Amino acid sequence: MPGLSVNANLSARYDNPQDKEGTLLSNNRSNATTATPGRSLIATAAAFATLAALAFVLLHPAAGDAAQAKGPIVSTATTSLGRILVGPRGHTLYLFEKDRNGKSACAGKCATFWPPLIAAGKPVAAAGTRASLLGTTRRADGRMQVTYNHHPLYTFVKDTKKGQTNGEGVDAFGAEWYAVSPAGAKVEKHESTSTTTPAPGNGY
């Protein structure tokens, strides 16, 4: 009968393993073709995001790194000694005549009275100072100390306010201490100055 023949042909077609495999392969190709554009767009977007992130890192270094790279600011101030170097807090900076070849000879108890100007990064020369004279030297404890014209720089514990020069001319720990001029030379106190000379024992 005609009806039976059609059913038999349909049954034979779908019972044939080769026909089933062909149908599955065809469906998979169709699905792959449909999915490919979406995957391509995702991959492209991811690539752009990666490039954008890389560009940001290169053009905008981390704030912490920038802060770490900046060292103490050395500037000048007018005092009773004239124009001299001062540190970040405005306190007088001194040189120690016992220092040799840019190396500090002040450590231990000496450094408690004459704290070295420590540099966590490259020191900065403010207006009135010479950037070419600024540098650093490694101390015995491994820390970096700011130098000016090869003189390691120090503050003095008796200078509690800006403009004070109580350490000027003090003979302590084996040599004398002097304020530093913008030219990088020691500043010697003249008799006409009104700066108070520290009482005996100060600086020891």
N, C-alpha and C. Protein backbone atom coordinates (compact mmCIF):
# COMPACT_ATOMS: atom_id res chain seq x y z
N MET A 1 0.84 -1.20 0.00
CA MET A 1 0.00 0.00 0.00
C MET A 1 0.88 1.26 0.00
N PRO A 2 0.42 2.35 -0.64
CA PRO A 2 1.24 3.56 -0.73
C PRO A 2 1.59 4.11 0.64
N GLY A 3 0.60 4.16 1.58
CA GLY A 3 0.88 4.70 2.91
C GLY A 3 1.95 3.95 3.62
N LEU A 4 1.91 2.64 3.53
CA LEU A 4 2.91 1.81 4.18
C LEU A 4 4.29 2.04 3.59
N SER A 5 4.36 2.28 2.29
CA SER A 5 5.64 2.51 1.62
C SER A 5 6.30 3.79 2.11
N VAL A 6 5.49 4.86 2.29
CA VAL A 6 6.04 6.14 2.76
C VAL A 6 6.56 6.02 4.17
N ASN A 7 5.77 5.35 5.00
CA ASN A 7 6.19 5.16 6.40
C ASN A 7 7.47 4.34 6.48
N ALA A 8 7.55 3.33 5.64
CA ALA A 8 8.73 2.47 5.64
C ALA A 8 9.97 3.26 5.23
N ASN A 9 9.79 4.13 4.22
CA ASN A 9 10.94 4.93 3.78
C ASN A 9 11.40 5.90 4.88
N LEU A 10 10.40 6.53 5.57
CA LEU A 10 10.75 7.44 6.65
C LEU A 10 11.45 6.72 7.78
N SER A 11 10.91 5.54 8.11
CA SER A 11 11.50 4.75 9.19
C SER A 11 12.92 4.34 8.84
N ALA A 12 13.12 3.94 7.60
CA ALA A 12 14.44 3.50 7.16
C ALA A 12 15.43 4.66 7.19
N ARG A 13 14.92 5.87 6.85
CA ARG A 13 15.81 7.05 6.82
C ARG A 13 16.31 7.40 8.21
N TYR A 14 15.42 7.41 9.17
CA TYR A 14 15.82 7.82 10.52
C TYR A 14 16.44 6.70 11.31
N ASP A 15 16.26 5.45 10.85
CA ASP A 15 16.94 4.35 11.51
C ASP A 15 18.35 4.18 11.01
N ASN A 16 18.69 4.87 9.91
CA ASN A 16 20.02 4.72 9.31
C ASN A 16 21.02 5.55 10.11
N PRO A 17 22.05 4.92 10.71
CA PRO A 17 23.04 5.64 11.53
C PRO A 17 23.75 6.74 10.76
N GLN A 18 24.01 6.53 9.48
CA GLN A 18 24.73 7.54 8.71
C GLN A 18 23.91 8.82 8.57
N ASP A 19 22.58 8.62 8.39
CA ASP A 19 21.71 9.78 8.27
C ASP A 19 21.67 10.56 9.59
N LYS A 20 21.63 9.83 10.72
CA LYS A 20 21.63 10.49 12.03
C LYS A 20 22.90 11.29 12.24
N GLU A 21 24.05 10.69 11.86
CA GLU A 21 25.34 11.38 12.04
C GLU A 21 25.41 12.64 11.19
N GLY A 22 24.91 12.52 9.99
CA GLY A 22 24.91 13.68 9.10
C GLY A 22 24.05 14.79 9.63
N THR A 23 22.89 14.43 10.19
CA THR A 23 22.01 15.45 10.75
C THR A 23 22.65 16.15 11.93
N LEU A 24 23.35 15.41 12.84
CA LEU A 24 24.01 15.98 13.99
C LEU A 24 25.15 16.91 13.59
N LEU A 25 25.94 16.47 12.58
CA LEU A 25 27.04 17.29 12.11
C LEU A 25 26.54 18.59 11.52
N SER A 26 25.44 18.49 10.81
CA SER A 26 24.86 19.68 10.19
C SER A 26 24.37 20.65 11.25
N ASN A 27 23.74 20.13 12.31
CA ASN A 27 23.25 20.98 13.39
C ASN A 27 24.41 21.64 14.15
N ASN A 28 25.51 20.87 14.38
CA ASN A 28 26.66 21.39 15.08
C ASN A 28 27.32 22.52 14.31
N ARG A 29 27.38 22.33 12.97
CA ARG A 29 27.97 23.38 12.15
C ARG A 29 27.14 24.65 12.23
N SER A 30 25.84 24.47 12.24
CA SER A 30 24.93 25.62 12.30
C SER A 30 25.09 26.35 13.63
N ASN A 31 25.20 25.58 14.73
CA ASN A 31 25.35 26.18 16.05
C ASN A 31 26.70 26.90 16.17
N ALA A 32 27.76 26.25 15.60
CA ALA A 32 29.09 26.85 15.66
C ALA A 32 29.12 28.14 14.88
N THR A 33 28.46 28.15 13.72
CA THR A 33 28.43 29.36 12.89
C THR A 33 27.72 30.48 13.62
N THR A 34 26.66 30.14 14.35
CA THR A 34 25.89 31.15 15.09
C THR A 34 26.68 31.68 16.27
N ALA A 35 27.46 30.81 16.96
CA ALA A 35 28.17 31.20 18.17
C ALA A 35 29.47 31.95 17.89
N THR A 36 30.07 31.71 16.70
CA THR A 36 31.38 32.29 16.39
C THR A 36 31.40 33.81 16.47
N PRO A 37 30.46 34.54 15.90
CA PRO A 37 30.50 36.01 16.00
C PRO A 37 30.46 36.50 17.44
N GLY A 38 29.66 35.86 18.30
CA GLY A 38 29.58 36.27 19.70
C GLY A 38 30.90 36.07 20.41
N ARG A 39 31.53 34.92 20.19
CA ARG A 39 32.82 34.65 20.82
C ARG A 39 33.87 35.62 20.32
N SER A 40 33.85 35.94 19.07
CA SER A 40 34.82 36.87 18.49
C SER A 40 34.70 38.25 19.11
N LEU A 41 33.46 38.69 19.32
CA LEU A 41 33.25 40.00 19.93
C LEU A 41 33.76 40.04 21.36
N ILE A 42 33.53 38.95 22.10
CA ILE A 42 34.00 38.87 23.49
C ILE A 42 35.52 38.92 23.54
N ALA A 43 36.17 38.16 22.64
CA ALA A 43 37.63 38.13 22.62
C ALA A 43 38.19 39.51 22.27
N THR A 44 37.56 40.18 21.31
CA THR A 44 38.02 41.51 20.92
C THR A 44 37.89 42.50 22.07
N ALA A 45 36.74 42.44 22.76
CA ALA A 45 36.52 43.34 23.90
C ALA A 45 37.54 43.09 25.00
N ALA A 46 37.86 41.83 25.26
CA ALA A 46 38.84 41.49 26.29
C ALA A 46 40.22 42.02 25.91
N ALA A 47 40.57 41.93 24.64
CA ALA A 47 41.87 42.42 24.17
C ALA A 47 41.97 43.93 24.36
N PHE A 48 40.91 44.65 24.00
CA PHE A 48 40.90 46.11 24.18
C PHE A 48 41.02 46.49 25.65
N ALA A 49 40.32 45.74 26.52
CA ALA A 49 40.37 46.02 27.95
C ALA A 49 41.78 45.83 28.49
N THR A 50 42.46 44.78 28.04
CA THR A 50 43.83 44.51 28.47
C THR A 50 44.77 45.62 28.04
N LEU A 51 44.64 46.05 26.78
CA LEU A 51 45.48 47.13 26.26
C LEU A 51 45.24 48.44 27.00
N ALA A 52 43.97 48.71 27.31
CA ALA A 52 43.64 49.94 28.03
C ALA A 52 44.25 49.93 29.43
N ALA A 53 44.17 48.78 30.10
CA ALA A 53 44.74 48.67 31.45
C ALA A 53 46.25 48.85 31.42
N LEU A 54 46.90 48.25 30.41
CA LEU A 54 48.35 48.37 30.28
C LEU A 54 48.76 49.82 30.03
N ALA A 55 48.01 50.51 29.16
CA ALA A 55 48.31 51.91 28.87
C ALA A 55 48.16 52.78 30.11
N PHE A 56 47.16 52.50 30.92
CA PHE A 56 46.93 53.29 32.15
C PHE A 56 48.09 53.11 33.12
N VAL A 57 48.56 51.88 33.26
CA VAL A 57 49.66 51.61 34.19
C VAL A 57 50.93 52.31 33.74
N LEU A 58 51.18 52.31 32.41
CA LEU A 58 52.39 52.93 31.89
C LEU A 58 52.36 54.45 31.98
N LEU A 59 51.20 55.03 31.76
CA LEU A 59 51.07 56.48 31.73
C LEU A 59 50.81 57.09 33.10
N HIS A 60 50.27 56.29 34.03
CA HIS A 60 49.92 56.79 35.35
C HIS A 60 50.51 55.87 36.42
N PRO A 61 51.80 56.05 36.78
CA PRO A 61 52.41 55.21 37.82
C PRO A 61 51.64 55.33 39.12
N ALA A 62 51.73 54.30 39.93
CA ALA A 62 51.01 54.27 41.21
C ALA A 62 51.41 55.45 42.07
N ALA A 63 50.42 56.00 42.77
CA ALA A 63 50.69 57.17 43.62
C ALA A 63 51.72 56.85 44.70
N GLY A 64 51.66 55.63 45.22
CA GLY A 64 52.61 55.24 46.26
C GLY A 64 54.03 55.26 45.74
N ASP A 65 54.24 54.79 44.50
CA ASP A 65 55.57 54.78 43.92
C ASP A 65 56.07 56.20 43.72
N ALA A 66 55.17 57.09 43.27
CA ALA A 66 55.56 58.48 43.05
C ALA A 66 55.94 59.14 44.36
N ALA A 67 55.16 58.86 45.42
CA ALA A 67 55.46 59.46 46.71
C ALA A 67 56.77 58.93 47.26
N GLN A 68 57.01 57.63 47.05
CA GLN A 68 58.22 57.03 47.55
C GLN A 68 59.45 57.59 46.84
N ALA A 69 59.34 57.95 45.55
CA ALA A 69 60.46 58.44 44.77
C ALA A 69 60.85 59.86 45.16
N LYS A 70 59.98 60.60 45.81
CA LYS A 70 60.25 61.98 46.18
C LYS A 70 60.92 62.04 47.54
N GLY A 71 62.09 62.68 47.58
CA GLY A 71 62.82 62.79 48.83
C GLY A 71 62.57 64.12 49.53
N PRO A 72 63.34 64.40 50.58
CA PRO A 72 63.15 65.63 51.35
C PRO A 72 63.50 66.87 50.52
N ILE A 73 62.84 67.97 50.83
CA ILE A 73 63.09 69.23 50.13
C ILE A 73 64.12 70.04 50.90
N VAL A 74 65.15 70.45 50.20
CA VAL A 74 66.17 71.33 50.79
C VAL A 74 65.95 72.72 50.22
N SER A 75 65.77 73.71 51.10
CA SER A 75 65.52 75.08 50.65
C SER A 75 66.42 76.03 51.42
N THR A 76 66.17 77.32 51.31
CA THR A 76 66.98 78.32 52.01
C THR A 76 66.09 79.21 52.87
N ALA A 77 66.71 79.85 53.83
CA ALA A 77 65.99 80.79 54.70
C ALA A 77 66.98 81.85 55.17
N THR A 78 66.45 83.03 55.44
CA THR A 78 67.29 84.11 55.95
C THR A 78 67.27 84.09 57.46
N THR A 79 68.44 83.98 58.07
CA THR A 79 68.58 83.92 59.54
C THR A 79 69.59 84.98 59.98
N SER A 80 69.93 84.96 61.25
CA SER A 80 70.95 85.88 61.76
C SER A 80 72.32 85.59 61.17
N LEU A 81 72.47 84.41 60.57
CA LEU A 81 73.73 84.05 59.92
C LEU A 81 73.73 84.44 58.44
N GLY A 82 72.60 84.94 57.98
CA GLY A 82 72.45 85.22 56.56
C GLY A 82 71.61 84.13 55.90
N ARG A 83 71.79 83.97 54.60
CA ARG A 83 71.03 82.96 53.85
C ARG A 83 71.68 81.60 54.02
N ILE A 84 70.93 80.65 54.57
CA ILE A 84 71.49 79.30 54.82
C ILE A 84 70.51 78.23 54.36
N LEU A 85 70.99 76.99 54.33
CA LEU A 85 70.14 75.85 53.96
C LEU A 85 69.26 75.45 55.13
N VAL A 86 68.03 75.07 54.81
CA VAL A 86 67.11 74.53 55.82
C VAL A 86 66.43 73.28 55.26
N GLY A 87 65.96 72.45 56.19
CA GLY A 87 65.32 71.20 55.81
C GLY A 87 63.83 71.36 55.55
N PRO A 88 63.12 70.25 55.38
CA PRO A 88 61.68 70.28 55.08
C PRO A 88 60.85 71.01 56.12
N ARG A 89 61.26 71.00 57.37
CA ARG A 89 60.51 71.67 58.45
C ARG A 89 61.01 73.09 58.69
N GLY A 90 61.93 73.55 57.87
CA GLY A 90 62.44 74.90 58.02
C GLY A 90 63.56 75.03 59.02
N HIS A 91 64.07 73.90 59.52
CA HIS A 91 65.14 73.94 60.51
C HIS A 91 66.51 73.98 59.82
N THR A 92 67.44 74.65 60.49
CA THR A 92 68.79 74.83 59.95
C THR A 92 69.47 73.48 59.69
N LEU A 93 70.18 73.42 58.57
CA LEU A 93 70.96 72.23 58.23
C LEU A 93 72.44 72.53 58.46
N TYR A 94 73.14 71.55 59.02
CA TYR A 94 74.54 71.73 59.38
C TYR A 94 75.44 70.71 58.68
N LEU A 95 76.71 71.10 58.56
CA LEU A 95 77.75 70.16 58.13
C LEU A 95 78.63 69.86 59.35
N PHE A 96 79.29 68.70 59.31
CA PHE A 96 80.16 68.25 60.39
C PHE A 96 81.57 68.17 59.83
N GLU A 97 82.50 68.93 60.44
CA GLU A 97 83.85 69.01 59.87
C GLU A 97 84.64 67.71 60.00
N LYS A 98 84.13 66.78 60.76
CA LYS A 98 84.82 65.49 60.87
C LYS A 98 84.50 64.57 59.69
N ASP A 99 83.43 64.86 58.98
CA ASP A 99 83.06 64.04 57.82
C ASP A 99 84.13 64.15 56.74
N ARG A 100 84.41 63.04 56.07
CA ARG A 100 85.41 63.03 55.01
C ARG A 100 84.89 62.30 53.79
N ASN A 101 85.22 62.85 52.63
CA ASN A 101 84.89 62.22 51.34
C ASN A 101 83.40 61.91 51.20
N GLY A 102 82.58 62.80 51.73
CA GLY A 102 81.14 62.64 51.59
C GLY A 102 80.53 61.58 52.48
N LYS A 103 81.32 61.04 53.43
CA LYS A 103 80.82 60.00 54.33
C LYS A 103 80.62 60.56 55.73
N SER A 104 79.53 60.14 56.37
CA SER A 104 79.22 60.63 57.71
C SER A 104 80.09 59.97 58.77
N ALA A 105 80.58 60.81 59.70
CA ALA A 105 81.34 60.31 60.84
C ALA A 105 80.53 60.46 62.12
N CYS A 106 79.24 60.69 61.98
CA CYS A 106 78.36 60.88 63.13
C CYS A 106 77.36 59.74 63.21
N ALA A 107 77.47 58.94 64.25
CA ALA A 107 76.55 57.81 64.45
C ALA A 107 76.32 57.64 65.95
N GLY A 108 75.40 56.74 66.29
CA GLY A 108 75.14 56.47 67.70
C GLY A 108 74.62 57.69 68.44
N LYS A 109 75.27 58.01 69.56
CA LYS A 109 74.85 59.14 70.38
C LYS A 109 74.95 60.46 69.62
N CYS A 110 75.95 60.56 68.77
CA CYS A 110 76.11 61.76 67.96
C CYS A 110 74.87 62.02 67.12
N ALA A 111 74.34 60.97 66.52
CA ALA A 111 73.18 61.12 65.64
C ALA A 111 71.90 61.42 66.41
N THR A 112 71.90 61.18 67.72
CA THR A 112 70.72 61.56 68.51
C THR A 112 70.68 63.06 68.76
N PHE A 113 71.85 63.69 68.87
CA PHE A 113 71.92 65.14 69.03
C PHE A 113 71.89 65.86 67.69
N TRP A 114 72.44 65.21 66.69
CA TRP A 114 72.52 65.79 65.35
C TRP A 114 71.87 64.82 64.35
N PRO A 115 70.55 64.79 64.32
CA PRO A 115 69.86 63.84 63.43
C PRO A 115 70.22 64.08 61.96
N PRO A 116 70.64 63.04 61.26
CA PRO A 116 70.95 63.19 59.84
C PRO A 116 69.68 63.41 59.03
N LEU A 117 69.80 64.16 57.96
CA LEU A 117 68.66 64.37 57.06
C LEU A 117 68.57 63.15 56.15
N ILE A 118 67.59 62.30 56.44
CA ILE A 118 67.45 61.02 55.73
C ILE A 118 66.61 61.19 54.46
N ALA A 119 67.02 60.48 53.43
CA ALA A 119 66.32 60.54 52.14
C ALA A 119 65.68 59.20 51.82
N ALA A 120 64.34 59.20 51.72
CA ALA A 120 63.63 58.00 51.29
C ALA A 120 63.54 57.95 49.78
N GLY A 121 63.90 59.07 49.13
CA GLY A 121 63.91 59.16 47.68
C GLY A 121 64.90 60.23 47.27
N LYS A 122 64.84 60.63 46.02
CA LYS A 122 65.77 61.64 45.52
C LYS A 122 65.45 62.98 46.14
N PRO A 123 66.44 63.63 46.79
CA PRO A 123 66.18 64.94 47.42
C PRO A 123 65.82 65.99 46.38
N VAL A 124 65.03 66.96 46.81
CA VAL A 124 64.53 67.99 45.90
C VAL A 124 65.14 69.34 46.27
N ALA A 125 65.64 70.05 45.27
CA ALA A 125 66.22 71.36 45.48
C ALA A 125 65.16 72.44 45.25
N ALA A 126 64.87 73.21 46.29
CA ALA A 126 63.90 74.29 46.16
C ALA A 126 64.60 75.54 45.63
N ALA A 127 63.82 76.59 45.41
CA ALA A 127 64.39 77.83 44.90
C ALA A 127 65.47 78.34 45.84
N GLY A 128 66.58 78.79 45.26
CA GLY A 128 67.68 79.31 46.05
C GLY A 128 68.78 78.30 46.30
N THR A 129 68.52 77.03 46.01
CA THR A 129 69.54 76.00 46.16
C THR A 129 69.94 75.46 44.79
N ARG A 130 70.99 74.70 44.75
CA ARG A 130 71.50 74.15 43.48
C ARG A 130 71.26 72.64 43.44
N ALA A 131 70.46 72.23 42.49
CA ALA A 131 70.17 70.80 42.36
C ALA A 131 71.44 70.01 42.07
N SER A 132 72.40 70.63 41.38
CA SER A 132 73.65 69.93 41.03
C SER A 132 74.50 69.61 42.25
N LEU A 133 74.25 70.31 43.36
CA LEU A 133 75.03 70.07 44.58
C LEU A 133 74.37 69.06 45.51
N LEU A 134 73.12 68.73 45.23
CA LEU A 134 72.41 67.76 46.07
C LEU A 134 72.80 66.33 45.73
N GLY A 135 72.88 65.50 46.74
CA GLY A 135 73.18 64.09 46.52
C GLY A 135 72.81 63.28 47.75
N THR A 136 73.28 62.06 47.80
CA THR A 136 73.04 61.19 48.96
C THR A 136 74.28 60.37 49.26
N THR A 137 74.37 59.93 50.49
CA THR A 137 75.45 59.04 50.90
C THR A 137 74.86 57.96 51.79
N ARG A 138 75.40 56.77 51.70
CA ARG A 138 74.89 55.66 52.51
C ARG A 138 75.55 55.67 53.90
N ARG A 139 74.70 55.65 54.93
CA ARG A 139 75.20 55.63 56.29
C ARG A 139 75.55 54.20 56.72
N ALA A 140 76.17 54.10 57.89
CA ALA A 140 76.58 52.79 58.40
C ALA A 140 75.38 51.87 58.62
N ASP A 141 74.21 52.47 58.94
CA ASP A 141 73.02 51.65 59.17
C ASP A 141 72.26 51.33 57.89
N GLY A 142 72.80 51.74 56.76
CA GLY A 142 72.18 51.42 55.47
C GLY A 142 71.25 52.49 54.93
N ARG A 143 70.87 53.45 55.76
CA ARG A 143 69.98 54.51 55.29
C ARG A 143 70.74 55.52 54.44
N MET A 144 70.00 56.22 53.58
CA MET A 144 70.59 57.22 52.72
C MET A 144 70.45 58.60 53.35
N GLN A 145 71.55 59.33 53.41
CA GLN A 145 71.56 60.68 53.99
C GLN A 145 71.79 61.70 52.89
N VAL A 146 71.07 62.82 52.99
CA VAL A 146 71.20 63.88 51.98
C VAL A 146 72.56 64.58 52.15
N THR A 147 73.20 64.88 51.03
CA THR A 147 74.44 65.65 51.03
C THR A 147 74.26 66.91 50.18
N TYR A 148 75.08 67.90 50.47
CA TYR A 148 75.07 69.14 49.67
C TYR A 148 76.52 69.54 49.47
N ASN A 149 76.94 69.59 48.24
CA ASN A 149 78.36 69.82 47.91
C ASN A 149 79.25 68.81 48.64
N HIS A 150 78.75 67.57 48.70
CA HIS A 150 79.44 66.43 49.31
C HIS A 150 79.49 66.48 50.84
N HIS A 151 78.78 67.43 51.44
CA HIS A 151 78.69 67.49 52.91
C HIS A 151 77.41 66.78 53.37
N PRO A 152 77.51 65.72 54.16
CA PRO A 152 76.30 65.13 54.74
C PRO A 152 75.60 66.19 55.61
N LEU A 153 74.29 66.24 55.53
CA LEU A 153 73.53 67.28 56.23
C LEU A 153 72.84 66.76 57.49
N TYR A 154 72.79 67.62 58.51
CA TYR A 154 72.21 67.27 59.80
C TYR A 154 71.35 68.43 60.32
N THR A 155 70.43 68.10 61.21
CA THR A 155 69.74 69.11 61.99
C THR A 155 70.31 69.05 63.41
N PHE A 156 69.81 69.91 64.31
CA PHE A 156 70.30 69.94 65.69
C PHE A 156 69.10 69.92 66.63
N VAL A 157 69.15 69.07 67.65
CA VAL A 157 68.00 68.90 68.54
C VAL A 157 67.66 70.18 69.31
N LYS A 158 68.62 71.08 69.47
CA LYS A 158 68.36 72.32 70.20
C LYS A 158 67.66 73.37 69.34
N ASP A 159 67.59 73.13 68.06
CA ASP A 159 66.83 74.01 67.17
C ASP A 159 65.39 73.52 67.13
N THR A 160 64.54 74.12 67.94
CA THR A 160 63.15 73.67 68.02
C THR A 160 62.21 74.52 67.18
N LYS A 161 62.72 75.64 66.67
CA LYS A 161 61.89 76.52 65.85
C LYS A 161 62.62 76.89 64.57
N LYS A 162 61.87 77.32 63.59
CA LYS A 162 62.46 77.78 62.34
C LYS A 162 63.35 79.00 62.60
N GLY A 163 64.45 79.05 61.89
CA GLY A 163 65.35 80.21 62.01
C GLY A 163 66.38 80.11 63.10
N GLN A 164 66.24 79.14 64.00
CA GLN A 164 67.23 78.99 65.07
C GLN A 164 68.52 78.37 64.53
N THR A 165 69.64 78.82 65.06
CA THR A 165 70.95 78.31 64.64
C THR A 165 71.81 77.99 65.86
N ASN A 166 71.22 77.32 66.81
CA ASN A 166 71.91 77.02 68.07
C ASN A 166 73.09 76.06 67.91
N GLY A 167 73.16 75.37 66.78
CA GLY A 167 74.27 74.44 66.57
C GLY A 167 75.47 75.07 65.92
N GLU A 168 75.36 76.34 65.52
CA GLU A 168 76.45 77.01 64.82
C GLU A 168 77.71 77.11 65.68
N GLY A 169 78.82 76.59 65.15
CA GLY A 169 80.12 76.69 65.82
C GLY A 169 80.31 75.76 66.99
N VAL A 170 79.34 74.90 67.27
CA VAL A 170 79.47 73.97 68.41
C VAL A 170 80.57 72.96 68.10
N ASP A 171 81.43 72.73 69.09
CA ASP A 171 82.49 71.73 68.97
C ASP A 171 82.04 70.49 69.75
N ALA A 172 81.64 69.47 69.03
CA ALA A 172 81.10 68.27 69.67
C ALA A 172 81.40 67.03 68.84
N PHE A 173 81.65 65.94 69.54
CA PHE A 173 81.92 64.64 68.90
C PHE A 173 83.14 64.69 67.97
N GLY A 174 84.11 65.50 68.36
CA GLY A 174 85.39 65.47 67.66
C GLY A 174 85.61 66.54 66.62
N ALA A 175 84.65 67.41 66.40
CA ALA A 175 84.84 68.48 65.41
C ALA A 175 83.73 69.51 65.56
N GLU A 176 83.81 70.56 64.77
CA GLU A 176 82.84 71.64 64.86
C GLU A 176 81.73 71.48 63.82
N TRP A 177 80.62 72.13 64.13
CA TRP A 177 79.43 72.07 63.28
C TRP A 177 79.11 73.48 62.77
N TYR A 178 78.73 73.55 61.50
CA TYR A 178 78.43 74.84 60.90
C TYR A 178 77.20 74.75 59.99
N ALA A 179 76.48 75.89 59.94
CA ALA A 179 75.40 76.00 58.97
C ALA A 179 76.01 76.00 57.57
N VAL A 180 75.17 75.76 56.57
CA VAL A 180 75.66 75.62 55.20
C VAL A 180 75.05 76.71 54.30
N SER A 181 75.88 77.32 53.49
CA SER A 181 75.41 78.36 52.58
C SER A 181 74.82 77.73 51.32
N PRO A 182 74.04 78.49 50.54
CA PRO A 182 73.50 77.95 49.27
C PRO A 182 74.59 77.54 48.29
N ALA A 183 75.81 78.07 48.50
CA ALA A 183 76.92 77.69 47.63
C ALA A 183 77.58 76.39 48.08
N GLY A 184 77.17 75.88 49.24
CA GLY A 184 77.70 74.62 49.73
C GLY A 184 78.90 74.76 50.64
N ALA A 185 79.15 75.98 51.16
CA ALA A 185 80.28 76.20 52.06
C ALA A 185 79.77 76.39 53.49
N LYS A 186 80.67 76.22 54.45
CA LYS A 186 80.26 76.44 55.84
C LYS A 186 80.06 77.93 56.09
N VAL A 187 79.12 78.24 56.96
CA VAL A 187 78.84 79.63 57.33
C VAL A 187 79.39 79.86 58.73
N GLU A 188 80.34 80.79 58.83
CA GLU A 188 80.94 81.08 60.13
C GLU A 188 80.29 82.30 60.75
N LYS A 189 80.00 82.21 62.02
CA LYS A 189 79.35 83.29 62.76
C LYS A 189 80.34 84.41 63.04
N HIS A 190 79.91 85.62 62.76
CA HIS A 190 80.76 86.78 63.03
C HIS A 190 80.43 87.34 64.41
N GLU A 191 81.32 88.12 64.93
CA GLU A 191 81.14 88.67 66.26
C GLU A 191 79.91 89.58 66.34
N SER A 192 79.55 90.18 65.20
CA SER A 192 78.43 91.12 65.19
C SER A 192 77.08 90.45 65.20
N THR A 193 77.03 89.14 65.01
CA THR A 193 75.75 88.45 64.99
C THR A 193 75.21 88.30 66.38
N SER A 194 73.89 88.18 66.49
CA SER A 194 73.25 88.12 67.81
C SER A 194 72.82 86.70 68.17
N THR A 195 73.24 85.72 67.35
CA THR A 195 72.87 84.34 67.63
C THR A 195 73.48 83.89 68.95
N THR A 196 72.69 83.26 69.79
CA THR A 196 73.16 82.82 71.11
C THR A 196 74.02 81.58 70.98
N THR A 197 75.19 81.62 71.59
CA THR A 197 76.07 80.46 71.58
C THR A 197 75.58 79.46 72.62
N PRO A 198 75.45 78.17 72.25
CA PRO A 198 74.95 77.17 73.21
C PRO A 198 75.81 77.10 74.44
N ALA A 199 75.19 76.84 75.56
CA ALA A 199 75.91 76.69 76.82
C ALA A 199 76.81 75.47 76.74
N PRO A 200 77.90 75.45 77.52
CA PRO A 200 78.81 74.30 77.53
C PRO A 200 78.06 72.99 77.74
N GLY A 201 78.42 72.01 76.93
CA GLY A 201 77.78 70.71 77.06
C GLY A 201 76.70 70.47 76.02
N ASN A 202 76.16 71.54 75.43
CA ASN A 202 75.15 71.35 74.38
C ASN A 202 75.79 70.71 73.16
N GLY A 203 75.14 69.69 72.65
CA GLY A 203 75.65 69.02 71.46
C GLY A 203 76.46 67.80 71.77
N TYR A 204 76.73 67.53 73.04
CA TYR A 204 77.50 66.35 73.42
C TYR A 204 76.58 65.21 73.80
